[in-house]
Protein backbone atom coordinates (compact mmCIF):
# COMPACT_ATOMS: atom_id res chain seq x y z
CA MET A 1 -62.32 97.71 -156.29
CA ALA A 2 -65.83 96.61 -156.23
CA ARG A 3 -67.64 96.31 -159.57
CA ARG A 4 -70.46 98.77 -160.48
CA GLN A 5 -74.10 97.47 -159.83
CA ARG A 6 -76.12 96.77 -162.65
CA ILE A 7 -79.23 98.37 -163.11
CA HIS A 8 -82.58 96.77 -162.91
CA PHE A 9 -86.09 98.19 -163.54
CA PRO A 10 -88.94 96.39 -165.38
CA GLY A 11 -89.21 96.95 -169.02
CA ALA A 12 -85.65 97.72 -169.47
CA TYR A 13 -83.63 96.39 -172.52
CA TYR A 14 -80.46 94.92 -172.37
CA HIS A 15 -77.57 93.98 -174.99
CA VAL A 16 -76.52 90.95 -173.53
CA ILE A 17 -72.87 89.33 -174.43
CA LEU A 18 -72.11 85.77 -173.48
CA ARG A 19 -68.30 84.49 -174.21
CA GLY A 20 -66.62 81.19 -173.93
CA ASN A 21 -63.57 81.28 -171.31
CA ASP A 22 -60.65 81.92 -172.85
CA ARG A 23 -62.30 82.74 -176.16
CA GLN A 24 -63.03 78.76 -176.33
CA ASP A 25 -65.81 77.64 -178.60
CA ILE A 26 -69.26 77.21 -176.67
CA PHE A 27 -71.10 75.33 -179.72
CA PHE A 28 -69.82 72.63 -181.12
CA ASP A 29 -72.81 71.46 -183.40
CA GLU A 30 -76.36 71.91 -184.21
CA VAL A 31 -77.47 70.21 -181.79
CA ASP A 32 -75.82 72.36 -178.91
CA ARG A 33 -77.73 75.07 -180.88
CA TYR A 34 -80.86 73.90 -180.69
CA LYS A 35 -80.22 73.18 -176.93
CA PHE A 36 -79.51 76.68 -176.05
CA TYR A 37 -82.94 77.40 -178.28
CA LEU A 38 -84.86 75.47 -176.01
CA LEU A 39 -83.07 76.99 -172.74
CA LEU A 40 -83.87 80.20 -173.97
CA GLN A 41 -87.61 79.45 -174.60
CA GLU A 42 -87.87 77.74 -170.75
CA GLY A 43 -86.19 80.79 -169.40
CA ILE A 44 -88.79 83.08 -170.86
CA GLU A 45 -91.55 80.46 -169.69
CA ARG A 46 -89.99 80.91 -165.93
CA PHE A 47 -88.89 84.23 -165.89
CA GLY A 48 -91.23 86.53 -167.91
CA HIS A 49 -88.65 88.51 -169.56
CA SER A 50 -88.85 88.54 -173.74
CA ILE A 51 -85.82 87.95 -176.29
CA LEU A 52 -86.21 90.49 -179.24
CA SER A 53 -83.02 89.64 -181.16
CA PHE A 54 -80.10 87.33 -181.12
CA CYS A 55 -77.14 85.93 -182.92
CA LEU A 56 -75.24 82.58 -181.61
CA MET A 57 -71.90 82.44 -183.04
CA THR A 58 -68.98 80.06 -182.20
CA ASN A 59 -67.44 81.16 -178.97
CA HIS A 60 -70.15 83.53 -178.10
CA VAL A 61 -73.59 84.55 -178.04
CA HIS A 62 -76.13 88.05 -178.10
CA LEU A 63 -78.97 88.81 -177.04
CA LEU A 64 -81.43 91.56 -177.26
CA CYS A 65 -83.69 91.36 -173.95
CA GLN A 66 -86.38 92.81 -172.36
CA VAL A 67 -86.91 92.16 -168.49
CA SER A 68 -90.13 92.10 -166.14
CA ASP A 69 -89.98 91.90 -162.52
CA VAL A 70 -87.03 88.97 -162.61
CA PRO A 71 -83.74 90.77 -162.56
CA LEU A 72 -81.28 89.69 -165.76
CA SER A 73 -78.74 88.55 -163.69
CA ARG A 74 -80.79 85.86 -162.44
CA ILE A 75 -81.82 85.03 -166.07
CA ILE A 76 -78.66 85.14 -167.42
CA GLN A 77 -77.02 82.88 -164.76
CA ASN A 78 -79.56 80.54 -165.20
CA LEU A 79 -79.25 80.23 -168.71
CA ALA A 80 -75.50 79.85 -168.61
CA PHE A 81 -75.48 77.69 -165.79
CA ARG A 82 -77.88 75.07 -167.28
CA TYR A 83 -76.17 75.44 -170.97
CA THR A 84 -72.63 75.00 -169.09
CA ARG A 85 -74.01 71.58 -167.77
CA TRP A 86 -75.38 70.52 -170.76
CA ILE A 87 -72.27 70.96 -172.55
CA ASN A 88 -69.87 69.19 -169.47
CA TRP A 89 -72.44 66.46 -169.74
CA ARG A 90 -71.84 65.94 -173.85
CA GLN A 91 -68.32 66.92 -174.07
CA LYS A 92 -66.97 64.82 -170.87
CA ARG A 93 -65.58 67.92 -169.32
CA VAL A 94 -65.58 70.14 -166.04
CA GLY A 95 -65.44 73.46 -165.15
CA HIS A 96 -66.54 76.98 -166.23
CA LEU A 97 -67.41 77.51 -170.13
CA PHE A 98 -68.30 81.01 -169.94
CA GLN A 99 -65.94 83.89 -169.75
CA GLY A 100 -66.20 85.50 -166.05
CA ARG A 101 -69.00 88.23 -165.76
CA TYR A 102 -70.99 88.44 -168.68
CA ARG A 103 -71.64 91.80 -170.49
CA ALA A 104 -74.84 93.36 -170.12
CA ILE A 105 -75.70 96.83 -171.51
CA LEU A 106 -78.84 98.88 -170.68
CA VAL A 107 -80.08 100.70 -173.87
CA ASP A 108 -82.40 103.47 -174.78
CA ALA A 109 -85.06 101.61 -176.97
CA ASP A 110 -86.42 104.97 -178.39
CA GLU A 111 -82.94 105.76 -179.94
CA TYR A 112 -81.12 102.16 -180.62
CA LEU A 113 -83.67 99.07 -180.92
CA LEU A 114 -83.44 99.09 -184.39
CA GLN A 115 -80.12 99.73 -185.14
CA LEU A 116 -78.79 97.14 -182.38
CA THR A 117 -81.27 94.64 -183.95
CA SER A 118 -79.51 94.83 -187.06
CA TYR A 119 -75.99 94.93 -185.75
CA ILE A 120 -76.66 91.57 -184.02
CA HIS A 121 -77.79 90.29 -187.07
CA LEU A 122 -75.09 91.11 -189.15
CA ASN A 123 -72.22 89.52 -186.66
CA PRO A 124 -71.95 86.61 -189.18
CA ILE A 125 -71.05 89.49 -192.17
CA ARG A 126 -68.44 90.91 -189.93
CA ALA A 127 -67.25 87.58 -188.87
CA ASN A 128 -66.80 86.79 -193.06
CA LEU A 129 -68.85 83.59 -192.21
CA VAL A 130 -71.49 84.50 -194.71
CA LYS A 131 -72.16 87.25 -197.27
CA ASP A 132 -76.05 87.48 -196.92
CA PRO A 133 -77.80 87.77 -193.38
CA SER A 134 -80.35 85.12 -194.30
CA ALA A 135 -77.86 82.68 -194.91
CA TYR A 136 -76.87 82.34 -191.44
CA PRO A 137 -78.95 80.01 -189.74
CA TRP A 138 -78.45 80.81 -186.23
CA SER A 139 -79.34 84.42 -185.56
CA SER A 140 -83.06 85.61 -185.41
CA HIS A 141 -82.77 87.35 -188.78
CA ARG A 142 -84.53 84.72 -190.90
CA ALA A 143 -87.45 84.91 -188.36
CA TYR A 144 -87.72 88.47 -188.90
CA VAL A 145 -87.92 88.38 -192.63
CA GLY A 146 -90.30 85.26 -192.47
CA LYS A 147 -88.18 82.51 -193.33
CA GLU A 148 -88.05 80.85 -190.15
CA VAL A 149 -90.60 80.62 -187.30
CA LEU A 150 -89.50 80.84 -183.67
CA PRO A 151 -92.76 81.16 -181.40
CA TRP A 152 -90.26 82.32 -178.40
CA LEU A 153 -89.00 85.27 -180.52
CA ARG A 154 -90.71 88.36 -179.81
CA MET A 155 -90.63 90.57 -182.84
CA GLU A 156 -93.15 93.26 -182.94
CA PRO A 157 -91.03 96.19 -181.39
CA VAL A 158 -88.86 96.34 -184.00
CA LEU A 159 -90.98 95.50 -186.62
CA ALA A 160 -93.33 98.28 -185.59
CA TYR A 161 -90.95 100.73 -186.48
CA PHE A 162 -91.88 99.83 -190.39
CA GLY A 163 -95.58 100.02 -189.70
CA ASN A 164 -98.41 97.57 -189.20
CA ASN A 165 -98.63 95.54 -192.34
CA MET A 166 -96.25 92.49 -191.55
CA GLN A 167 -95.06 91.98 -194.99
CA ARG A 168 -94.11 95.40 -195.54
CA ALA A 169 -92.63 95.69 -192.17
CA ARG A 170 -90.39 92.58 -193.08
CA SER A 171 -89.74 93.74 -196.69
CA ALA A 172 -88.50 97.26 -194.98
CA PHE A 173 -86.38 96.00 -192.36
CA LEU A 174 -84.70 93.70 -194.89
CA ASP A 175 -83.71 96.77 -196.52
CA PHE A 176 -82.63 98.46 -193.43
CA VAL A 177 -80.24 95.74 -192.63
CA ASN A 178 -78.74 95.11 -195.81
CA GLU A 179 -78.30 99.04 -196.26
CA ASN A 180 -76.01 98.75 -192.82
CA ILE A 181 -74.15 95.79 -194.21
CA GLN A 182 -71.06 98.00 -194.81
CA ASN A 183 -71.06 99.72 -191.82
CA GLY A 184 -68.35 96.98 -189.98
CA HIS A 185 -68.05 97.22 -186.18
CA CYS A 186 -69.66 100.07 -183.91
CA ASP A 187 -68.33 99.68 -180.70
CA VAL A 188 -70.65 101.49 -178.43
CA PHE A 189 -72.83 98.58 -179.16
CA SER A 190 -70.47 96.16 -177.74
CA HIS A 191 -68.78 98.28 -175.24
CA GLY A 192 -71.55 100.90 -174.16
CA ASP A 193 -70.77 104.32 -173.42
CA ILE A 194 -67.49 105.61 -172.75
CA ALA A 195 -68.65 107.56 -169.55
CA ASP A 196 -70.35 104.39 -168.22
CA THR A 197 -70.21 101.23 -170.02
CA ARG A 198 -73.32 99.91 -168.56
CA PHE A 199 -75.29 102.38 -170.64
CA LEU A 200 -76.11 103.19 -174.47
CA GLY A 201 -78.20 106.14 -175.17
CA PRO A 202 -78.24 109.84 -175.03
CA ASP A 203 -77.34 112.14 -171.79
CA ASP A 204 -80.93 112.62 -170.45
CA PHE A 205 -81.76 109.04 -170.66
CA VAL A 206 -78.93 107.97 -168.41
CA ASP A 207 -79.48 111.22 -166.03
CA LYS A 208 -82.88 109.61 -166.01
CA ILE A 209 -81.79 106.37 -164.90
CA HIS A 210 -79.52 107.67 -162.60
CA ASP A 211 -82.00 109.82 -161.02
CA ASN A 212 -84.93 107.68 -160.53
CA ILE A 213 -83.82 104.20 -160.58
CA GLU A 214 -82.40 102.56 -157.69
CA PRO A 215 -79.84 99.09 -157.98
CA GLU A 216 -80.61 96.24 -156.14
CA HIS A 217 -78.24 96.41 -153.47
CA MET A 218 -79.07 92.97 -151.99
CA ARG A 219 -80.21 90.74 -154.77
CA LYS A 220 -81.02 87.18 -153.63
CA PRO A 221 -78.59 84.81 -155.16
CA ALA A 222 -79.69 82.22 -157.27
CA ILE A 223 -79.12 78.37 -157.43
CA PRO A 224 -75.71 78.69 -160.05
CA GLU A 225 -74.18 81.28 -157.61
CA ILE A 226 -74.70 79.09 -154.24
CA ILE A 227 -73.06 76.48 -155.97
CA GLU A 228 -70.18 78.01 -157.11
CA ALA A 229 -69.70 79.64 -153.56
CA VAL A 230 -70.14 75.98 -151.79
CA GLU A 231 -67.25 75.08 -154.60
CA ARG A 232 -65.03 77.34 -153.32
CA LEU A 233 -65.64 76.84 -149.67
CA TYR A 234 -64.82 73.21 -149.71
CA GLY A 235 -62.35 73.79 -152.91
CA LEU A 236 -63.85 71.73 -155.61
CA THR A 237 -63.24 72.30 -158.87
CA GLY A 238 -65.74 74.45 -160.85
CA GLY A 239 -68.93 72.67 -161.95
CA GLY A 240 -67.59 69.48 -160.23
CA LEU A 241 -70.52 69.55 -157.30
CA VAL A 242 -73.68 68.94 -159.80
CA ASN A 243 -71.93 65.71 -160.86
CA ALA A 244 -69.91 64.65 -157.59
CA ASP A 245 -69.72 61.30 -155.84
CA ARG A 246 -71.36 60.39 -152.45
CA SER A 247 -68.43 60.27 -150.43
CA PHE A 248 -69.38 62.10 -146.89
CA LYS A 249 -67.78 65.52 -148.12
CA MET A 250 -69.61 66.15 -151.30
CA ALA A 251 -73.02 64.89 -149.15
CA GLU A 252 -72.16 67.95 -146.74
CA ALA A 253 -71.45 69.95 -149.34
CA ARG A 254 -74.79 69.37 -150.95
CA SER A 255 -76.48 69.71 -147.96
CA MET A 256 -74.35 73.17 -147.51
CA VAL A 257 -75.90 74.28 -151.13
CA ALA A 258 -79.63 73.03 -149.92
CA TRP A 259 -79.22 74.82 -146.52
CA ALA A 260 -78.43 78.12 -148.25
CA VAL A 261 -80.99 77.91 -151.25
CA ARG A 262 -83.49 77.48 -148.54
CA GLU A 263 -82.30 80.20 -146.54
CA MET A 264 -81.25 82.82 -148.64
CA SER A 265 -82.60 82.38 -152.14
CA ASP A 266 -85.72 83.22 -154.25
CA ASP A 267 -84.92 79.46 -155.64
CA THR A 268 -86.62 76.91 -154.42
CA LEU A 269 -85.33 73.09 -153.04
CA THR A 270 -87.61 71.79 -156.07
CA ASP A 271 -85.70 73.99 -158.57
CA LEU A 272 -82.44 72.70 -156.75
CA GLY A 273 -83.80 69.08 -156.95
CA HIS A 274 -83.65 69.10 -160.43
CA VAL A 275 -80.23 70.07 -160.77
CA PHE A 276 -79.05 67.83 -158.17
CA GLY A 277 -81.34 65.22 -159.20
CA ARG A 278 -82.99 64.61 -155.43
CA ASP A 279 -86.28 64.82 -154.27
CA VAL A 280 -87.34 67.80 -151.75
CA THR A 281 -87.37 65.57 -148.79
CA THR A 282 -83.89 64.08 -149.15
CA LEU A 283 -83.07 67.65 -149.53
CA SER A 284 -84.85 68.99 -146.88
CA SER A 285 -83.68 66.11 -144.12
CA SER A 286 -80.16 66.81 -145.45
CA ILE A 287 -80.63 70.64 -143.99
CA THR A 288 -82.13 69.33 -140.88
CA ARG A 289 -78.79 66.94 -140.45
CA LEU A 290 -76.81 69.61 -140.91
CA THR A 291 -78.18 72.46 -138.86
CA ALA A 292 -77.88 69.93 -136.35
CA ARG A 293 -74.44 68.74 -136.81
CA SER A 294 -73.91 72.58 -136.71
CA LYS A 295 -74.93 73.33 -132.93
CA SER A 296 -71.89 70.81 -131.94
CA ASP A 297 -69.67 70.88 -134.64
CA HIS A 298 -67.71 73.88 -134.87
CA GLU A 299 -66.13 73.72 -138.28
CA ILE A 300 -69.68 73.07 -139.77
CA ALA A 301 -70.83 76.35 -138.18
CA GLU A 302 -67.71 78.42 -139.15
CA ARG A 303 -68.27 77.17 -143.14
CA MET A 304 -72.24 78.15 -142.93
CA LYS A 305 -71.18 81.55 -141.66
CA ASN A 306 -68.82 82.01 -144.12
CA LEU A 307 -70.91 80.90 -146.90
CA HIS A 308 -73.63 83.12 -145.57
CA LYS A 309 -70.99 86.14 -145.57
CA ILE A 310 -69.58 84.89 -149.18
CA LEU A 311 -73.19 85.14 -150.66
CA VAL A 312 -74.26 88.66 -148.97
CA ASP A 313 -70.94 90.15 -150.67
CA PHE A 314 -71.56 88.40 -153.57
CA ALA A 315 -74.86 89.34 -153.95
CA THR A 316 -74.16 93.03 -153.11
CA LEU A 317 -71.11 93.11 -155.96
CA GLN A 318 -72.90 91.57 -158.29
CA ALA A 319 -76.50 93.24 -158.21
């Protein structure tokens, strides 16, 4: 059965949950968490979205994100890919770090923005890690109450609920979160509405989205998706292509990635060069050679055709 398509429109708010594969840890020390902060900041600068609140637990992450023109799928795919590459390098491991498809719930900000931020900040309380959310160093709560500065964090939409005076707003926000400590787990914040788990909001909010917003039926694939597809096509271990050797098979697989990026993606060969550690000229030349070979090599031509189909199908299902 095809997965239901994600909904995108500029200005949409999402509660994003990224979990470790098989519930494994995704953070091993504070260096990893600071690296994740850096990747969040770089993503904001590149894609133009906002992070309004977050919490980094040991084996999963909560993000409250507002997108602009770039779809959430591209933002999170890029973040997960780059962070996985970091962990695989630090831990000398290969393969996937995160569990399958990330969860993203489209949220009615007017109804739930404040409550969802509180819910995210109270994750360490529910996990019995601390008794005071301000004591947990890896969420946005300390920044909200003025104990930490995170320049890339956008707090204004939430604090605006409590007025224009920043000091009073921070104090009122702290009181609000503390009042919610005893509320425990709220299933809808993690799983969305029972009728459609992609949404969290009243019926009129969901109806308006269904009536007026078109899903991205043919979203262009990003570099991480293309690499994953090529690894499957060539029978390579997940994540192995990035650190692969210079054998003929690996060179051909990389050329196949470069071809797909140029032909099918909004990403560029410059972006791919940063991933593979190669310059644009080298990648462009490899595409030229691969295309020339495909005219006389039936197997290569068939792989290119299959890769194109895989990426079209993948984009249609994942949008």
